[in-house]
């Protein structure tokens, strides 16, 4: 039996903000500081932080962010409406 390879898509904080439709990274950094996105963080040996949009056995990052922010007209995530 062949071992299965695990493929994770992880993006930098800037790339993640862009993919989710945010103009800045402020919201993501605020949630990281409050330790709400720890399940989505992939930390490289060099110290660079990456975020996984859809980790295994967890809700998507987009849903997690929406559950933890106050919905306003200006902070709408792409694809929600």
C-alpha atoms as a PDB file:
ATOM      1  CA  UNK A   1       0.000   0.000   0.000  1.00  0.00           C
ATOM      2  CA  UNK A   2       1.369   3.404  -0.943  1.00  0.00           C
ATOM      3  CA  UNK A   3       1.476   6.118   1.712  1.00  0.00           C
ATOM      4  CA  UNK A   4      -0.790   9.056   1.002  1.00  0.00           C
ATOM      5  CA  UNK A   5       0.776  12.447   0.701  1.00  0.00           C
ATOM      6  CA  UNK A   6      -0.743  15.390   2.491  1.00  0.00           C
ATOM      7  CA  UNK A   7      -1.091  18.572   0.464  1.00  0.00           C
ATOM      8  CA  UNK A   8      -1.765  21.753   2.413  1.00  0.00           C
ATOM      9  CA  UNK A   9      -2.407  25.125   0.847  1.00  0.00           C
ATOM     10  CA  UNK A  10      -1.071  27.831   3.117  1.00  0.00           C
ATOM     11  CA  UNK A  11      -0.829  31.527   2.317  1.00  0.00           C
ATOM     12  CA  UNK A  12       0.909  34.494   3.893  1.00  0.00           C
ATOM     13  CA  UNK A  13      -1.255  36.871   5.875  1.00  0.00           C
ATOM     14  CA  UNK A  14      -1.253  39.394   3.023  1.00  0.00           C
ATOM     15  CA  UNK A  15      -2.253  36.761   0.467  1.00  0.00           C
ATOM     16  CA  UNK A  16      -4.968  35.445   2.781  1.00  0.00           C
ATOM     17  CA  UNK A  17      -6.429  38.919   3.270  1.00  0.00           C
ATOM     18  CA  UNK A  18      -6.441  39.461  -0.499  1.00  0.00           C
ATOM     19  CA  UNK A  19      -8.111  36.082  -1.153  1.00  0.00           C
ATOM     20  CA  UNK A  20     -10.830  36.812   1.411  1.00  0.00           C
ATOM     21  CA  UNK A  21     -11.489  40.271  -0.035  1.00  0.00           C
ATOM     22  CA  UNK A  22     -10.055  42.489   2.692  1.00  0.00           C
ATOM     23  CA  UNK A  23      -8.340  45.760   1.822  1.00  0.00           C
ATOM     24  CA  UNK A  24      -5.894  45.434   4.718  1.00  0.00           C
ATOM     25  CA  UNK A  25      -4.536  42.757   7.039  1.00  0.00           C
ATOM     26  CA  UNK A  26      -5.676  44.494  10.209  1.00  0.00           C
ATOM     27  CA  UNK A  27      -8.613  42.171  10.937  1.00  0.00           C
ATOM     28  CA  UNK A  28      -6.528  39.036  10.498  1.00  0.00           C
ATOM     29  CA  UNK A  29      -3.715  40.363  12.694  1.00  0.00           C
ATOM     30  CA  UNK A  30      -6.266  41.326  15.370  1.00  0.00           C
ATOM     31  CA  UNK A  31      -7.738  37.808  15.400  1.00  0.00           C
ATOM     32  CA  UNK A  32      -4.255  36.261  15.491  1.00  0.00           C
ATOM     33  CA  UNK A  33      -3.339  38.433  18.460  1.00  0.00           C
ATOM     34  CA  UNK A  34      -6.435  37.172  20.313  1.00  0.00           C
ATOM     35  CA  UNK A  35      -5.361  33.551  19.532  1.00  0.00           C
ATOM     36  CA  UNK A  36      -8.582  32.797  17.662  1.00  0.00           C
ATOM     37  CA  UNK A  37      -6.875  31.508  14.514  1.00  0.00           C
ATOM     38  CA  UNK A  38      -4.311  29.174  16.095  1.00  0.00           C
ATOM     39  CA  UNK A  39      -5.812  26.117  14.356  1.00  0.00           C
ATOM     40  CA  UNK A  40      -5.188  27.759  10.968  1.00  0.00           C
ATOM     41  CA  UNK A  41      -1.567  28.821  11.489  1.00  0.00           C
ATOM     42  CA  UNK A  42       1.364  27.069   9.866  1.00  0.00           C
ATOM     43  CA  UNK A  43       4.646  28.363  11.258  1.00  0.00           C
ATOM     44  CA  UNK A  44       7.740  27.910   9.118  1.00  0.00           C
ATOM     45  CA  UNK A  45      11.130  27.250  10.728  1.00  0.00           C
ATOM     46  CA  UNK A  46      12.269  30.740   9.758  1.00  0.00           C
ATOM     47  CA  UNK A  47       9.373  32.194  11.761  1.00  0.00           C
ATOM     48  CA  UNK A  48       7.191  33.175   8.827  1.00  0.00           C
ATOM     49  CA  UNK A  49       3.467  32.718   9.483  1.00  0.00           C
ATOM     50  CA  UNK A  50       1.162  31.102   6.944  1.00  0.00           C
ATOM     51  CA  UNK A  51      -2.594  30.572   7.188  1.00  0.00           C
ATOM     52  CA  UNK A  52      -4.514  27.584   5.857  1.00  0.00           C
ATOM     53  CA  UNK A  53      -7.852  28.504   4.301  1.00  0.00           C
ATOM     54  CA  UNK A  54      -9.350  25.023   4.714  1.00  0.00           C
ATOM     55  CA  UNK A  55      -7.528  22.849   7.270  1.00  0.00           C
ATOM     56  CA  UNK A  56      -8.511  19.223   7.751  1.00  0.00           C
ATOM     57  CA  UNK A  57     -11.429  18.568  10.134  1.00  0.00           C
ATOM     58  CA  UNK A  58     -12.010  22.281  10.859  1.00  0.00           C
ATOM     59  CA  UNK A  59     -14.414  24.891   9.567  1.00  0.00           C
ATOM     60  CA  UNK A  60     -13.035  27.135   6.837  1.00  0.00           C
ATOM     61  CA  UNK A  61     -11.016  30.200   7.776  1.00  0.00           C
ATOM     62  CA  UNK A  62     -13.611  32.445   6.122  1.00  0.00           C
ATOM     63  CA  UNK A  63     -16.370  31.039   8.367  1.00  0.00           C
ATOM     64  CA  UNK A  64     -14.162  31.307  11.478  1.00  0.00           C
ATOM     65  CA  UNK A  65     -13.438  34.976  10.760  1.00  0.00           C
ATOM     66  CA  UNK A  66     -17.105  35.739  10.111  1.00  0.00           C
ATOM     67  CA  UNK A  67     -18.048  34.096  13.416  1.00  0.00           C
ATOM     68  CA  UNK A  68     -15.609  36.343  15.296  1.00  0.00           C
ATOM     69  CA  UNK A  69     -16.142  39.768  13.743  1.00  0.00           C
ATOM     70  CA  UNK A  70     -18.946  42.229  13.801  1.00  0.00           C
ATOM     71  CA  UNK A  71     -20.640  42.317  10.408  1.00  0.00           C
ATOM     72  CA  UNK A  72     -20.548  45.778   8.881  1.00  0.00           C
ATOM     73  CA  UNK A  73     -21.071  47.106   5.398  1.00  0.00           C
ATOM     74  CA  UNK A  74     -17.337  47.673   4.828  1.00  0.00           C
ATOM     75  CA  UNK A  75     -15.919  44.362   6.123  1.00  0.00           C
ATOM     76  CA  UNK A  76     -17.751  41.898   3.910  1.00  0.00           C
ATOM     77  CA  UNK A  77     -15.780  38.795   2.934  1.00  0.00           C
ATOM     78  CA  UNK A  78     -15.884  37.789  -0.764  1.00  0.00           C
ATOM     79  CA  UNK A  79     -18.591  35.382  -1.730  1.00  0.00           C
ATOM     80  CA  UNK A  80     -20.741  35.815   1.386  1.00  0.00           C
ATOM     81  CA  UNK A  81     -23.581  37.874  -0.023  1.00  0.00           C
END
